[in-house]
Amino acid sequence: MDELPLHGIRVLDFSWIIAGPTSTRFLASMGAEVVKVGSARRPDPSTRGPAFQAYNQSKLYASLNISKPEGLELSKRLIAISDVVIENFAAGVIERLGLGYEVVRSANPDIIMVASSGTGHYGPHTDYVAYGSLLQHYTGWNSISGYPGRGPVTGGLWADPWVGMELAMVTVASLNNRTLTGQGQYVDFSMAEALSACLPEAVLDYQMNDRVKEPIGNQDDFYSPHGVFHCAGEDRWVAIAVTSYEEWMALCGVIGRPDLASDDNYADAEGRRQHNDKLEAAITDWTMQRSDREAMKLLQNAGVPSGPSQDILRVFQEPQLSETGYFSKVQARDGNTRYLPGLPWRFEGAQEPILTEAPVLGQHNEYVYGELLGLSAKDIDRLVEEEIIF
């Protein structure tokens, strides 16, 4: 059986919160040795929450105080034996810490450094404080989410996991480029630009038609009916998306409304959108007589895209996810068994993804400083006492 694609690659992870750790979690699961570097002097604030357990699986965790000269030198020694450095501090912070790209490259000429920040490292808004939830507003995501006549949807962390996947992708692309050219590189990654790229229709609609996109709830600009319909039972819903004339005719057949199928007012998606309230009422009359799963099965069997709107408990119990091995069994330090999200892809002929419990700060100090850097136990003890390994 072949090794995982990134076997033999070492990544130094100076990132925190969610976006950066998500990217290195994917890299670790694909076989890279990811050494997360942190310090009790300024701990990762996400450590207190469950997200840390999901986004930091399969990593090593070393403590290091790079605000002290000897700590900074140790970081350079780690860089010298690594392939990738990933950081997601605000613009200018990594340079002030003494680990800007020129310093990193001097320690390892073919290193790949991926620097992720809210708005990138150049431009008038470079110094803005930016978290994923804020960037969703800054980039227009939340202005088109929600219902007409209401304020923008707030909260949520869609930006961070999305950006994490893109960071992993660009890191793999950079490694591939180094294989072809022998050269490392610096990647200036803007979370804002990554998110803006996800809204091409709204951006082009404004340029071409002078229209500013507004929220439309569960409806769609092109398809109808498109929404979530109440089913039998408390808080049970089924999502339905009709994307073609054939699907529309099939839906009318399933809900027993041939009159809708023959009504010219509903012949195309635009006409159905204009009569959306009447159409939703007709569909809801049918869905309210059935459970969400029964409605889904009847619709799916007729070729109508649909699915139940599930809460997290039902997602966790979903056989499609458990039987394909997406949820991975992990033995926790407290003796309990937990099931954590795995990878959304499989490598044919390769070993299973490497999935282990998220580490605690300093858990792998002995390996990182003893085995990788060759420090003696006496030296490590001294560094701990002087709060350099801290």
Protein backbone atom coordinates (compact mmCIF):
# COMPACT_ATOMS: atom_id res chain seq x y z
CA MET A 1 0.00 0.00 0.00
CA ASP A 2 1.33 3.41 -0.97
CA GLU A 3 2.16 6.09 1.56
CA LEU A 4 -0.02 9.13 2.03
CA PRO A 5 0.78 11.96 -0.46
CA LEU A 6 2.59 14.24 2.00
CA HIS A 7 4.65 11.61 3.80
CA GLY A 8 8.10 13.04 4.54
CA ILE A 9 6.97 16.69 4.52
CA ARG A 10 7.47 18.68 7.72
CA VAL A 11 5.32 21.73 8.43
CA LEU A 12 5.87 24.32 11.16
CA ASP A 13 2.50 25.67 12.21
CA PHE A 14 2.60 29.09 13.86
CA SER A 15 -1.12 29.66 13.23
CA TRP A 16 -3.98 29.78 15.69
CA ILE A 17 -7.77 30.12 16.09
CA ILE A 18 -9.41 28.16 13.21
CA ALA A 19 -8.39 28.97 9.61
CA GLY A 20 -4.67 28.24 9.93
CA PRO A 21 -5.06 25.15 12.13
CA THR A 22 -7.67 23.79 9.72
CA SER A 23 -5.20 23.96 6.85
CA THR A 24 -2.44 22.17 8.74
CA ARG A 25 -4.91 19.61 10.03
CA PHE A 26 -5.60 18.62 6.42
CA LEU A 27 -1.87 18.49 5.72
CA ALA A 28 -1.28 16.31 8.80
CA SER A 29 -4.08 13.96 7.83
CA MET A 30 -2.44 13.55 4.42
CA GLY A 31 0.80 12.40 5.99
CA ALA A 32 2.78 15.56 6.72
CA GLU A 33 4.52 15.89 10.08
CA VAL A 34 2.95 19.06 11.44
CA VAL A 35 4.64 20.68 14.43
CA LYS A 36 2.34 23.24 15.97
CA VAL A 37 4.40 25.87 17.78
CA GLY A 38 2.78 27.81 20.60
CA SER A 39 3.54 29.43 23.92
CA ALA A 40 1.89 29.71 27.33
CA ARG A 41 2.93 33.35 27.11
CA ARG A 42 0.20 33.89 24.52
CA PRO A 43 -1.85 30.69 24.24
CA ASP A 44 -4.12 29.85 21.35
CA PRO A 45 -7.54 31.11 22.56
CA SER A 46 -9.36 28.34 20.71
CA THR A 47 -7.82 25.78 23.10
CA ARG A 48 -10.77 26.36 25.43
CA GLY A 49 -13.35 25.22 22.88
CA PRO A 50 -14.26 21.98 21.11
CA ALA A 51 -13.17 23.39 17.74
CA PHE A 52 -9.54 23.00 18.84
CA GLN A 53 -10.05 19.24 19.08
CA ALA A 54 -11.30 19.01 15.49
CA TYR A 55 -8.86 21.45 13.85
CA ASN A 56 -5.70 20.20 15.52
CA GLN A 57 -5.95 16.45 15.10
CA SER A 58 -2.87 14.50 14.07
CA LYS A 59 -0.36 17.22 15.02
CA LEU A 60 2.62 17.53 17.31
CA TYR A 61 2.58 20.46 19.74
CA ALA A 62 5.76 22.11 20.99
CA SER A 63 5.99 25.07 23.33
CA LEU A 64 8.45 27.81 22.46
CA ASN A 65 8.82 31.42 23.60
CA ILE A 66 10.18 33.16 20.51
CA SER A 67 10.12 36.53 22.26
CA LYS A 68 13.43 35.52 23.81
CA PRO A 69 16.57 35.43 21.62
CA GLU A 70 17.35 31.78 22.36
CA GLY A 71 13.76 30.83 21.60
CA LEU A 72 13.98 32.66 18.29
CA GLU A 73 17.18 30.79 17.43
CA LEU A 74 15.49 27.47 18.20
CA SER A 75 12.67 28.40 15.82
CA LYS A 76 15.23 29.06 13.08
CA ARG A 77 16.80 25.65 13.69
CA LEU A 78 13.36 24.08 13.29
CA ILE A 79 12.79 26.05 10.10
CA ALA A 80 16.10 24.76 8.74
CA ILE A 81 14.80 21.16 8.86
CA SER A 82 11.27 21.92 7.67
CA ASP A 83 9.57 22.24 4.30
CA VAL A 84 6.75 24.66 5.07
CA VAL A 85 6.06 27.47 7.54
CA ILE A 86 2.45 28.60 7.98
CA GLU A 87 1.44 31.65 10.01
CA ASN A 88 -1.77 33.64 10.27
CA PHE A 89 -0.93 36.56 12.52
CA ALA A 90 -2.07 40.07 11.67
CA ALA A 91 0.10 41.74 9.02
CA GLY A 92 3.46 42.78 10.41
CA VAL A 93 3.35 40.65 13.56
CA ILE A 94 5.54 37.79 12.35
CA GLU A 95 8.13 40.34 11.18
CA ARG A 96 8.14 42.03 14.58
CA LEU A 97 8.64 38.63 16.18
CA GLY A 98 11.79 38.22 14.07
CA LEU A 99 10.49 35.60 11.62
CA GLY A 100 9.75 37.54 8.46
CA TYR A 101 10.27 35.80 5.14
CA GLU A 102 13.83 37.08 4.64
CA VAL A 103 14.81 35.64 8.02
CA VAL A 104 13.01 32.38 7.33
CA ARG A 105 14.60 32.06 3.89
CA SER A 106 18.05 32.71 5.31
CA ALA A 107 17.53 29.76 7.65
CA ASN A 108 16.24 27.55 4.80
CA PRO A 109 16.61 28.83 1.20
CA ASP A 110 13.99 26.51 -0.32
CA ILE A 111 11.38 26.95 2.42
CA ILE A 112 7.76 27.59 1.52
CA MET A 113 6.20 30.27 3.73
CA VAL A 114 2.43 30.73 3.66
CA ALA A 115 1.36 33.95 5.38
CA SER A 116 -2.39 34.28 5.85
CA SER A 117 -4.01 37.45 7.17
CA GLY A 118 -7.41 39.08 7.02
CA THR A 119 -6.80 41.44 4.10
CA GLY A 120 -3.33 40.43 2.96
CA HIS A 121 0.01 42.10 3.64
CA TYR A 122 -0.35 45.04 1.23
CA GLY A 123 -2.98 47.71 0.61
CA PRO A 124 -4.86 50.39 2.58
CA HIS A 125 -6.64 47.95 4.91
CA THR A 126 -3.65 45.79 5.78
CA ASP A 127 -3.68 46.86 9.44
CA TYR A 128 -7.35 46.04 10.04
CA VAL A 129 -8.07 43.54 12.80
CA ALA A 130 -9.86 40.68 11.07
CA TYR A 131 -11.47 37.45 12.22
CA GLY A 132 -13.43 35.11 9.99
CA SER A 133 -16.83 36.16 11.31
CA LEU A 134 -15.96 39.83 10.70
CA LEU A 135 -14.62 39.17 7.21
CA GLN A 136 -17.92 37.59 6.24
CA HIS A 137 -19.43 41.05 6.68
CA TYR A 138 -16.47 42.91 5.17
CA THR A 139 -16.63 40.86 1.96
CA GLY A 140 -20.39 40.97 1.50
CA TRP A 141 -21.13 37.36 2.40
CA ASN A 142 -23.54 38.21 5.17
CA SER A 143 -25.22 41.06 3.28
CA ILE A 144 -26.77 38.53 0.89
CA SER A 145 -27.57 35.93 3.56
CA GLY A 146 -30.90 36.01 5.37
CA TYR A 147 -34.35 37.24 4.47
CA PRO A 148 -35.58 40.33 2.59
CA GLY A 149 -36.19 43.39 4.72
CA ARG A 150 -34.08 42.18 7.62
CA GLY A 151 -30.58 43.01 8.78
CA PRO A 152 -27.51 41.02 7.70
CA VAL A 153 -27.10 37.59 9.23
CA THR A 154 -24.50 37.77 11.99
CA GLY A 155 -22.27 35.15 13.54
CA GLY A 156 -21.14 31.87 12.08
CA LEU A 157 -17.66 30.73 11.13
CA TRP A 158 -18.01 29.71 7.51
CA ALA A 159 -14.98 31.76 6.53
CA ASP A 160 -12.40 29.95 8.64
CA PRO A 161 -12.89 26.34 7.45
CA TRP A 162 -13.26 27.53 3.87
CA VAL A 163 -10.05 29.51 4.06
CA GLY A 164 -8.36 26.56 5.79
CA MET A 165 -9.09 24.31 2.82
CA GLU A 166 -7.77 26.93 0.41
CA LEU A 167 -4.61 27.34 2.49
CA ALA A 168 -4.05 23.60 2.36
CA MET A 169 -4.57 23.63 -1.39
CA VAL A 170 -2.11 26.48 -2.01
CA THR A 171 0.45 24.77 0.25
CA VAL A 172 0.24 21.55 -1.75
CA ALA A 173 0.49 23.57 -4.99
CA SER A 174 3.62 25.28 -3.66
CA LEU A 175 5.16 21.94 -2.73
CA ASN A 176 4.42 20.67 -6.22
CA ASN A 177 6.03 23.78 -7.72
CA ARG A 178 9.12 23.23 -5.57
CA THR A 179 9.35 19.65 -6.83
CA LEU A 180 9.30 20.94 -10.41
CA THR A 181 11.56 23.99 -9.99
CA GLY A 182 13.57 23.32 -6.83
CA GLN A 183 12.55 26.70 -5.48
CA GLY A 184 10.67 27.70 -2.37
CA GLN A 185 8.37 30.70 -2.26
CA TYR A 186 6.44 33.20 -0.18
CA VAL A 187 2.64 33.09 -0.40
CA ASP A 188 0.71 36.19 0.68
CA PHE A 189 -2.79 34.87 1.34
CA SER A 190 -5.73 37.25 1.87
CA MET A 191 -8.79 35.79 3.61
CA ALA A 192 -10.89 38.67 2.30
CA GLU A 193 -9.90 37.98 -1.30
CA ALA A 194 -10.53 34.25 -0.87
CA LEU A 195 -14.04 34.98 0.38
CA SER A 196 -14.80 37.59 -2.27
CA ALA A 197 -13.93 35.01 -4.92
CA CYS A 198 -16.90 32.97 -3.69
CA LEU A 199 -19.37 35.68 -4.76
CA PRO A 200 -18.77 35.97 -8.53
CA GLU A 201 -22.45 36.29 -9.46
CA ALA A 202 -23.03 39.23 -7.11
CA VAL A 203 -19.84 41.00 -8.22
CA LEU A 204 -20.57 40.58 -11.93
CA ASP A 205 -24.27 41.42 -11.57
CA TYR A 206 -23.33 44.80 -10.12
CA GLN A 207 -20.79 45.52 -12.85
CA MET A 208 -22.99 44.42 -15.73
CA ASN A 209 -26.47 45.37 -14.51
CA ASP A 210 -25.84 47.98 -11.81
CA ARG A 211 -27.74 45.75 -9.36
CA VAL A 212 -26.76 45.24 -5.74
CA LYS A 213 -27.50 41.72 -4.60
CA GLU A 214 -29.98 41.48 -1.72
CA PRO A 215 -30.93 38.55 0.51
CA ILE A 216 -33.73 36.31 -0.79
CA GLY A 217 -34.11 33.83 2.07
CA ASN A 218 -34.24 30.23 0.89
CA GLN A 219 -35.23 31.13 -2.65
CA ASP A 220 -32.85 31.00 -5.60
CA ASP A 221 -32.16 33.41 -8.45
CA PHE A 222 -32.66 30.73 -11.09
CA TYR A 223 -34.54 27.76 -9.66
CA SER A 224 -38.04 27.34 -8.25
CA PRO A 225 -39.44 25.89 -6.10
CA HIS A 226 -36.36 26.20 -3.93
CA GLY A 227 -36.72 26.20 -0.17
CA VAL A 228 -37.29 24.34 3.08
CA PHE A 229 -40.77 22.99 3.76
CA HIS A 230 -42.35 22.07 7.09
CA CYS A 231 -42.98 18.36 7.65
CA ALA A 232 -44.87 16.32 10.26
CA GLY A 233 -43.28 16.51 13.71
CA GLU A 234 -41.73 19.27 15.74
CA ASP A 235 -39.09 21.26 13.88
CA ARG A 236 -38.87 18.84 10.97
CA TRP A 237 -38.22 20.18 7.48
CA VAL A 238 -37.35 18.96 4.03
CA ALA A 239 -35.27 20.96 1.55
CA ILE A 240 -36.37 20.87 -2.09
CA ALA A 241 -34.58 22.31 -5.12
CA VAL A 242 -36.24 21.98 -8.52
CA THR A 243 -33.68 22.76 -11.21
CA SER A 244 -35.41 21.70 -14.45
CA TYR A 245 -38.81 21.33 -16.13
CA GLU A 246 -38.61 17.56 -15.77
CA GLU A 247 -38.07 17.87 -12.02
CA TRP A 248 -41.00 20.29 -11.78
CA MET A 249 -43.31 17.84 -13.51
CA ALA A 250 -42.05 15.04 -11.26
CA LEU A 251 -42.72 17.15 -8.15
CA CYS A 252 -46.29 17.85 -9.26
CA GLY A 253 -46.80 14.14 -9.74
CA VAL A 254 -45.42 13.22 -6.31
CA ILE A 255 -47.55 15.75 -4.41
CA GLY A 256 -50.64 14.88 -6.44
CA ARG A 257 -51.13 18.27 -8.09
CA PRO A 258 -51.54 17.74 -11.86
CA ASP A 259 -53.36 21.09 -11.94
CA LEU A 260 -50.08 22.85 -11.17
CA ALA A 261 -48.30 20.92 -13.91
CA SER A 262 -50.85 22.06 -16.51
CA ASP A 263 -51.05 25.68 -15.32
CA ASP A 264 -49.13 28.01 -17.64
CA ASN A 265 -48.41 30.33 -14.68
CA TYR A 266 -45.99 27.68 -13.39
CA ALA A 267 -44.51 26.62 -16.71
CA ASP A 268 -41.07 28.08 -16.04
CA ALA A 269 -38.98 29.02 -13.01
CA GLU A 270 -39.67 32.75 -13.40
CA GLY A 271 -43.41 32.16 -13.36
CA ARG A 272 -43.12 29.89 -10.33
CA ARG A 273 -41.08 32.52 -8.48
CA GLN A 274 -43.82 35.09 -9.14
CA HIS A 275 -46.36 32.78 -7.50
CA ASN A 276 -44.03 31.56 -4.80
CA ASP A 277 -46.43 31.96 -1.85
CA LYS A 278 -49.17 29.86 -3.48
CA LEU A 279 -46.64 27.27 -4.58
CA GLU A 280 -45.06 26.97 -1.14
CA ALA A 281 -48.51 26.52 0.43
CA ALA A 282 -49.33 23.70 -1.99
CA ILE A 283 -46.09 21.88 -1.31
CA THR A 284 -46.39 22.38 2.46
CA ASP A 285 -49.90 20.85 2.41
CA TRP A 286 -48.20 17.68 1.15
CA THR A 287 -45.05 17.73 3.29
CA MET A 288 -47.00 18.32 6.52
CA GLN A 289 -48.61 14.90 6.06
CA ARG A 290 -45.24 13.13 6.03
CA SER A 291 -42.02 12.88 7.97
CA ASP A 292 -39.00 14.62 6.51
CA ARG A 293 -37.34 11.34 5.57
CA GLU A 294 -40.48 9.92 3.99
CA ALA A 295 -40.90 13.10 1.94
CA MET A 296 -37.26 12.93 0.87
CA LYS A 297 -37.51 9.30 -0.23
CA LEU A 298 -40.66 9.88 -2.27
CA LEU A 299 -39.16 12.93 -3.93
CA GLN A 300 -35.74 11.37 -4.55
CA ASN A 301 -37.35 8.25 -6.05
CA ALA A 302 -39.10 10.54 -8.53
CA GLY A 303 -35.86 12.36 -9.37
CA VAL A 304 -36.52 15.53 -7.37
CA PRO A 305 -33.45 16.85 -5.44
CA SER A 306 -34.37 16.92 -1.75
CA GLY A 307 -33.11 16.13 1.72
CA PRO A 308 -34.07 16.50 5.38
CA SER A 309 -32.81 19.55 7.28
CA GLN A 310 -31.05 17.76 10.13
CA ASP A 311 -29.81 18.86 13.53
CA ILE A 312 -26.34 17.85 14.71
CA LEU A 313 -27.57 14.75 16.56
CA ARG A 314 -29.10 13.35 13.40
CA VAL A 315 -26.03 14.27 11.37
CA PHE A 316 -23.88 12.36 13.85
CA GLN A 317 -26.16 9.34 13.50
CA GLU A 318 -26.29 9.57 9.70
CA PRO A 319 -25.32 6.12 8.32
CA GLN A 320 -23.80 7.60 5.15
CA LEU A 321 -21.17 9.37 7.26
CA SER A 322 -20.51 6.59 9.77
CA GLU A 323 -20.41 3.66 7.34
CA THR A 324 -17.98 5.39 4.97
CA GLY A 325 -15.61 6.06 7.86
CA TYR A 326 -15.93 9.83 7.85
CA PHE A 327 -16.32 9.94 11.62
CA SER A 328 -13.15 8.48 13.08
CA LYS A 329 -12.88 6.78 16.45
CA VAL A 330 -10.32 8.48 18.68
CA GLN A 331 -9.21 7.45 22.16
CA ALA A 332 -9.00 10.59 24.31
CA ARG A 333 -6.56 11.24 27.14
CA ASP A 334 -9.40 11.12 29.65
CA GLY A 335 -10.11 7.51 28.65
CA ASN A 336 -13.28 8.29 26.71
CA THR A 337 -13.85 7.37 23.10
CA ARG A 338 -14.89 10.16 20.77
CA TYR A 339 -15.76 10.31 17.10
CA LEU A 340 -14.26 13.25 15.24
CA PRO A 341 -14.67 14.42 11.62
CA GLY A 342 -12.20 12.90 9.20
CA LEU A 343 -11.32 13.87 5.62
CA PRO A 344 -13.93 14.48 2.91
CA TRP A 345 -11.85 12.51 0.38
CA ARG A 346 -10.15 9.13 0.08
CA PHE A 347 -6.87 8.13 -1.58
CA GLU A 348 -7.26 4.90 -3.52
CA GLY A 349 -4.48 2.44 -2.70
CA ALA A 350 -3.04 4.62 0.07
CA GLN A 351 -3.08 4.04 3.79
CA GLU A 352 -5.91 5.44 5.86
CA PRO A 353 -5.60 9.12 6.90
CA ILE A 354 -3.63 9.72 10.07
CA LEU A 355 -6.12 10.86 12.71
CA THR A 356 -5.10 11.26 16.33
CA GLU A 357 -6.39 13.32 19.23
CA ALA A 358 -5.48 17.01 19.30
CA PRO A 359 -2.36 17.51 21.44
CA VAL A 360 -1.80 19.76 24.44
CA LEU A 361 0.81 22.51 24.55
CA GLY A 362 4.29 21.08 25.06
CA GLN A 363 3.19 17.47 24.67
CA HIS A 364 5.89 16.74 22.09
CA ASN A 365 8.73 18.87 23.42
CA GLU A 366 10.95 15.85 24.04
CA TYR A 367 10.62 14.66 20.44
CA VAL A 368 10.93 18.12 18.84
CA TYR A 369 13.89 19.35 20.88
CA GLY A 370 15.50 16.03 21.76
CA GLU A 371 15.15 13.98 18.57
CA LEU A 372 14.75 16.62 15.88
CA LEU A 373 17.19 19.22 17.22
CA GLY A 374 19.43 16.88 19.21
CA LEU A 375 19.33 18.78 22.50
CA SER A 376 20.28 16.93 25.65
CA ALA A 377 17.81 16.39 28.49
CA LYS A 378 19.92 18.78 30.59
CA ASP A 379 19.68 21.50 27.93
CA ILE A 380 15.92 21.02 27.62
CA ASP A 381 15.47 21.26 31.39
CA ARG A 382 17.43 24.52 31.43
CA LEU A 383 15.36 25.96 28.61
CA VAL A 384 12.17 25.03 30.43
CA GLU A 385 13.46 26.62 33.65
CA GLU A 386 14.34 29.83 31.79
CA GLU A 387 10.89 29.89 30.16
CA ILE A 388 12.30 29.59 26.65
CA ILE A 389 10.54 26.29 26.09
CA PHE A 390 7.34 27.69 27.56
